[in-house]
């Protein structure tokens, strides 16, 4: 079963092949219930972030599950506007406090620029924040460190000015959104790729090619979209608040043929803009 399979990061840390995303799930009961349900159906990889404001609920749900902490891989992210050494140290410590954990499995810089200033040159700040993460990693408080939404140029800046090549780059990656340049760079440097929004925030599921292909494989369009990413060797992070969808999104014990993969590869255009 895919829920029991793992990838191995460059430093030997293993992470489950499919993660459960919590973006846009409100804190409190909704996040608690979603994470509780995800864990109950087999997920062992939970992705959150400071910016989601639901870290405390994630931690509460993991504890309530009674699953040993070491059996659940947990990721959080540094808020995108924090670009100082001391600020990053304090933010990480706050994340641990919110989650109620002694350590984190993976911590990422959420973006190379503040979300309110996309494209801003924050090269120096990214290096300072990353160096703080390196310190917490050396202290044993983070098992792996990395970035999110970083382009090859953003990654070069980190690699040239810090000691640890990022273990992970989490990017928006799904059928229709070509991230070949970034993925090729990451593969060359041993940076593992995680794929957020594997369903294109739901818009991808309206694609007629996926719908027809799913009928032939006797699965859902969502399962095709997630399996496609697994067959590419990346870690998808699907999200749902519906338990039956959670089960569906992790029931992936099939493979897409090479011919059908080529058909999916040919789909172009960000499905989030297909409205």
Protein backbone atom coordinates (compact mmCIF):
# COMPACT_ATOMS: atom_id res chain seq x y z
CA UNK A 1 0.00 0.00 0.00
CA UNK A 2 1.24 3.46 -0.92
CA UNK A 3 0.51 4.73 2.60
CA UNK A 4 3.32 2.51 3.89
CA UNK A 5 5.87 3.44 1.21
CA UNK A 6 8.52 6.12 1.68
CA UNK A 7 11.01 8.25 -0.21
CA UNK A 8 14.49 8.80 1.24
CA UNK A 9 15.92 12.30 1.38
CA UNK A 10 19.57 12.98 0.66
CA UNK A 11 20.46 12.87 4.37
CA UNK A 12 18.77 9.51 4.91
CA UNK A 13 15.52 10.82 6.41
CA UNK A 14 12.49 8.92 5.13
CA UNK A 15 9.16 10.57 4.34
CA UNK A 16 5.88 8.87 3.37
CA UNK A 17 5.19 9.07 -0.35
CA UNK A 18 1.84 10.85 -0.01
CA UNK A 19 1.31 13.69 2.44
CA UNK A 20 -1.87 15.27 3.76
CA UNK A 21 -2.07 19.01 3.12
CA UNK A 22 -3.84 21.39 5.53
CA UNK A 23 -3.77 24.66 3.56
CA UNK A 24 -7.08 26.56 3.77
CA UNK A 25 -8.46 24.29 6.52
CA UNK A 26 -9.50 26.63 9.36
CA UNK A 27 -7.89 26.10 12.76
CA UNK A 28 -9.82 24.46 15.56
CA UNK A 29 -12.28 21.63 15.05
CA UNK A 30 -12.05 21.59 11.25
CA UNK A 31 -8.29 21.05 11.17
CA UNK A 32 -8.40 18.73 14.19
CA UNK A 33 -11.08 16.54 12.62
CA UNK A 34 -9.43 16.51 9.18
CA UNK A 35 -6.01 15.50 10.51
CA UNK A 36 -7.58 12.96 12.89
CA UNK A 37 -9.47 11.39 9.98
CA UNK A 38 -6.42 11.44 7.71
CA UNK A 39 -4.35 9.62 10.31
CA UNK A 40 -7.15 7.11 10.92
CA UNK A 41 -7.23 6.08 7.24
CA UNK A 42 -3.47 5.67 6.95
CA UNK A 43 -1.74 8.99 6.26
CA UNK A 44 1.53 9.37 8.15
CA UNK A 45 2.75 12.62 6.60
CA UNK A 46 1.08 15.90 7.61
CA UNK A 47 1.93 19.26 6.02
CA UNK A 48 1.16 22.55 7.77
CA UNK A 49 2.66 26.04 8.01
CA UNK A 50 2.83 29.03 10.33
CA UNK A 51 0.84 30.95 7.76
CA UNK A 52 -2.04 28.44 7.87
CA UNK A 53 -2.60 29.31 11.55
CA UNK A 54 -3.57 25.71 12.29
CA UNK A 55 -0.35 24.26 13.73
CA UNK A 56 -1.82 23.89 17.22
CA UNK A 57 -4.80 21.95 15.88
CA UNK A 58 -2.48 19.71 13.85
CA UNK A 59 -0.42 18.90 16.94
CA UNK A 60 -3.53 18.25 19.02
CA UNK A 61 -4.89 15.82 16.42
CA UNK A 62 -1.62 13.91 16.19
CA UNK A 63 -1.49 13.52 19.97
CA UNK A 64 -5.15 12.49 20.10
CA UNK A 65 -4.51 9.78 17.50
CA UNK A 66 -2.21 7.95 19.95
CA UNK A 67 0.11 7.19 17.03
CA UNK A 68 3.74 7.47 18.24
CA UNK A 69 5.21 10.85 17.31
CA UNK A 70 8.11 9.20 15.48
CA UNK A 71 5.64 7.45 13.16
CA UNK A 72 4.15 10.70 11.82
CA UNK A 73 6.23 12.88 9.49
CA UNK A 74 5.34 16.53 10.13
CA UNK A 75 6.28 19.53 8.00
CA UNK A 76 5.81 23.21 8.78
CA UNK A 77 7.01 26.39 7.11
CA UNK A 78 8.55 29.71 8.05
CA UNK A 79 6.23 32.59 7.21
CA UNK A 80 7.23 34.18 3.93
CA UNK A 81 7.94 37.67 5.31
CA UNK A 82 10.47 36.53 7.94
CA UNK A 83 13.90 37.13 6.42
CA UNK A 84 16.24 37.55 9.41
CA UNK A 85 18.35 35.09 11.40
CA UNK A 86 16.86 35.90 14.79
CA UNK A 87 13.37 36.16 13.37
CA UNK A 88 13.63 32.69 11.85
CA UNK A 89 14.96 31.18 15.08
CA UNK A 90 12.09 32.68 17.06
CA UNK A 91 9.50 31.64 14.47
CA UNK A 92 10.71 28.05 14.47
CA UNK A 93 10.59 27.91 18.26
CA UNK A 94 7.02 29.26 18.13
CA UNK A 95 6.09 26.56 15.59
CA UNK A 96 7.37 23.85 17.94
CA UNK A 97 5.44 25.43 20.80
CA UNK A 98 2.24 25.59 18.74
CA UNK A 99 2.59 21.98 17.63
CA UNK A 100 3.63 20.86 21.09
CA UNK A 101 6.58 18.85 19.75
CA UNK A 102 10.25 18.52 20.70
CA UNK A 103 11.36 18.40 17.07
CA UNK A 104 10.08 18.82 13.52
CA UNK A 105 10.67 16.42 10.65
CA UNK A 106 10.88 19.12 7.97
CA UNK A 107 10.93 22.92 8.09
CA UNK A 108 10.76 25.03 4.93
CA UNK A 109 11.08 28.70 3.99
CA UNK A 110 7.54 29.18 2.68
CA UNK A 111 8.48 31.44 -0.23
CA UNK A 112 11.50 33.42 -1.49
CA UNK A 113 9.57 36.67 -0.98
CA UNK A 114 6.65 37.87 1.15
CA UNK A 115 3.31 36.87 -0.35
CA UNK A 116 2.38 40.56 -0.29
CA UNK A 117 5.46 41.43 -2.37
CA UNK A 118 5.87 38.57 -4.84
CA UNK A 119 9.09 38.93 -6.80
CA UNK A 120 10.86 41.14 -4.25
CA UNK A 121 14.62 40.58 -4.03
CA UNK A 122 15.12 38.85 -0.67
CA UNK A 123 18.32 36.97 -1.43
CA UNK A 124 20.16 38.19 1.65
CA UNK A 125 17.19 37.57 3.92
CA UNK A 126 16.65 34.06 2.56
CA UNK A 127 20.26 33.18 3.37
CA UNK A 128 19.93 34.56 6.91
CA UNK A 129 16.69 32.66 7.53
CA UNK A 130 18.14 29.47 6.10
CA UNK A 131 21.24 29.75 8.27
CA UNK A 132 18.95 29.88 11.31
CA UNK A 133 17.33 26.68 10.10
CA UNK A 134 20.76 25.11 9.66
CA UNK A 135 21.47 25.94 13.31
CA UNK A 136 18.27 24.28 14.52
CA UNK A 137 19.08 21.30 12.28
CA UNK A 138 22.55 20.94 13.84
CA UNK A 139 20.90 21.09 17.26
CA UNK A 140 18.74 18.11 16.30
CA UNK A 141 15.47 20.03 16.44
CA UNK A 142 14.77 19.71 12.69
CA UNK A 143 15.49 16.45 10.87
CA UNK A 144 15.50 18.02 7.40
CA UNK A 145 15.37 21.57 6.06
CA UNK A 146 14.38 23.12 2.79
CA UNK A 147 12.41 25.70 0.87
CA UNK A 148 9.13 26.16 -0.97
CA UNK A 149 8.31 27.97 -4.20
CA UNK A 150 12.02 28.50 -4.93
CA UNK A 151 13.20 28.83 -8.55
CA UNK A 152 16.63 27.59 -9.68
CA UNK A 153 18.05 31.12 -9.18
CA UNK A 154 16.63 31.24 -5.65
CA UNK A 155 18.16 27.84 -4.93
CA UNK A 156 21.57 28.83 -6.29
CA UNK A 157 21.60 31.75 -3.86
CA UNK A 158 21.03 29.38 -0.92
CA UNK A 159 23.52 26.77 -2.12
CA UNK A 160 26.29 29.32 -2.70
CA UNK A 161 25.96 31.01 0.70
CA UNK A 162 25.06 28.24 3.15
CA UNK A 163 26.43 24.86 4.19
CA UNK A 164 23.52 22.46 3.62
CA UNK A 165 21.96 22.06 0.19
CA UNK A 166 18.19 22.13 0.80
CA UNK A 167 16.81 18.66 1.32
CA UNK A 168 13.41 19.60 -0.15
CA UNK A 169 11.79 22.15 -2.46
CA UNK A 170 7.99 22.14 -2.20
CA UNK A 171 6.40 23.61 -5.32
CA UNK A 172 3.06 23.84 -7.05
CA UNK A 173 3.24 20.94 -9.47
CA UNK A 174 0.39 19.15 -11.21
CA UNK A 175 -0.81 18.08 -14.63
CA UNK A 176 -0.81 21.18 -16.85
CA UNK A 177 1.75 23.15 -14.84
CA UNK A 178 5.20 22.50 -16.31
CA UNK A 179 7.93 22.85 -13.68
CA UNK A 180 10.58 21.04 -15.73
CA UNK A 181 13.34 23.62 -15.26
CA UNK A 182 12.98 23.67 -11.48
CA UNK A 183 12.54 19.90 -11.19
CA UNK A 184 15.57 19.19 -13.39
CA UNK A 185 17.66 21.56 -11.27
CA UNK A 186 16.47 19.94 -8.04
CA UNK A 187 17.17 16.45 -9.35
CA UNK A 188 20.69 17.52 -10.35
CA UNK A 189 21.39 18.88 -6.87
CA UNK A 190 19.76 16.06 -4.91
CA UNK A 191 16.89 18.30 -3.74
CA UNK A 192 13.71 16.27 -3.31
CA UNK A 193 10.52 17.74 -4.81
CA UNK A 194 7.18 17.84 -3.05
CA UNK A 195 4.08 18.80 -5.04
CA UNK A 196 1.42 20.95 -3.40
CA UNK A 197 -2.03 21.45 -4.92
CA UNK A 198 -1.76 18.17 -6.90
CA UNK A 199 -5.36 18.63 -8.04
CA UNK A 200 -4.85 22.21 -9.24
CA UNK A 201 -7.08 23.40 -6.36
CA UNK A 202 -9.80 21.17 -7.83
CA UNK A 203 -9.92 22.77 -11.26
CA UNK A 204 -7.86 19.97 -12.79
CA UNK A 205 -10.66 17.51 -12.02
CA UNK A 206 -12.85 19.18 -14.65
CA UNK A 207 -10.46 18.23 -17.44
CA UNK A 208 -12.18 15.88 -19.89
CA UNK A 209 -8.96 13.98 -20.66
CA UNK A 210 -8.54 13.08 -17.00
CA UNK A 211 -12.20 12.20 -16.62
CA UNK A 212 -12.13 9.81 -19.58
CA UNK A 213 -8.83 8.27 -18.52
CA UNK A 214 -10.11 7.74 -14.98
CA UNK A 215 -13.08 5.79 -16.36
CA UNK A 216 -10.74 3.44 -18.20
CA UNK A 217 -8.64 2.83 -15.09
CA UNK A 218 -11.78 2.56 -12.94
CA UNK A 219 -10.50 5.23 -10.56
CA UNK A 220 -11.29 8.91 -10.00
CA UNK A 221 -9.76 11.87 -11.82
CA UNK A 222 -8.14 12.82 -8.51
CA UNK A 223 -6.47 9.42 -8.29
CA UNK A 224 -5.10 9.84 -11.82
CA UNK A 225 -3.70 13.27 -10.94
CA UNK A 226 -2.03 12.03 -7.74
CA UNK A 227 -0.71 8.79 -9.28
CA UNK A 228 0.79 10.83 -12.13
CA UNK A 229 2.95 12.72 -9.64
CA UNK A 230 4.01 9.56 -7.82
CA UNK A 231 5.06 8.06 -11.14
CA UNK A 232 7.19 11.19 -11.64
CA UNK A 233 8.98 10.42 -8.36
CA UNK A 234 7.68 13.36 -6.32
CA UNK A 235 5.57 13.55 -3.17
CA UNK A 236 2.01 14.85 -3.70
CA UNK A 237 0.21 16.64 -0.86
CA UNK A 238 -3.53 16.30 -1.52
CA UNK A 239 -6.04 17.94 0.83
CA UNK A 240 -9.64 17.11 1.67
CA UNK A 241 -11.95 17.51 4.64
CA UNK A 242 -14.06 14.55 3.49
CA UNK A 243 -12.99 11.17 4.84
CA UNK A 244 -14.05 9.20 1.75
CA UNK A 245 -11.94 11.51 -0.41
CA UNK A 246 -8.98 11.04 1.92
CA UNK A 247 -9.28 7.28 1.42
CA UNK A 248 -9.57 7.72 -2.34
CA UNK A 249 -6.53 10.00 -2.50
CA UNK A 250 -4.33 7.42 -0.83
CA UNK A 251 -5.70 4.39 -2.72
CA UNK A 252 -3.15 4.48 -5.49
CA UNK A 253 -2.02 0.92 -6.09
CA UNK A 254 -2.03 1.22 -9.87
CA UNK A 255 0.28 2.73 -12.48
CA UNK A 256 -0.46 4.91 -15.49
CA UNK A 257 0.85 3.47 -18.75
CA UNK A 258 3.68 5.24 -20.59
CA UNK A 259 1.30 6.04 -23.43
CA UNK A 260 -1.25 7.63 -21.11
CA UNK A 261 1.49 9.48 -19.23
CA UNK A 262 2.48 11.11 -22.52
CA UNK A 263 -1.12 12.20 -23.01
CA UNK A 264 -1.14 13.80 -19.56
CA UNK A 265 2.27 15.37 -20.20
CA UNK A 266 0.79 17.09 -23.25
CA UNK A 267 -1.83 18.94 -21.22
CA UNK A 268 -0.59 22.51 -20.92
CA UNK A 269 -1.72 25.53 -18.95
CA UNK A 270 -2.23 26.11 -15.25
CA UNK A 271 -5.65 24.57 -14.50
CA UNK A 272 -6.17 27.15 -11.77
CA UNK A 273 -6.66 29.62 -14.64
CA UNK A 274 -9.01 27.50 -16.75
CA UNK A 275 -12.12 29.13 -15.35
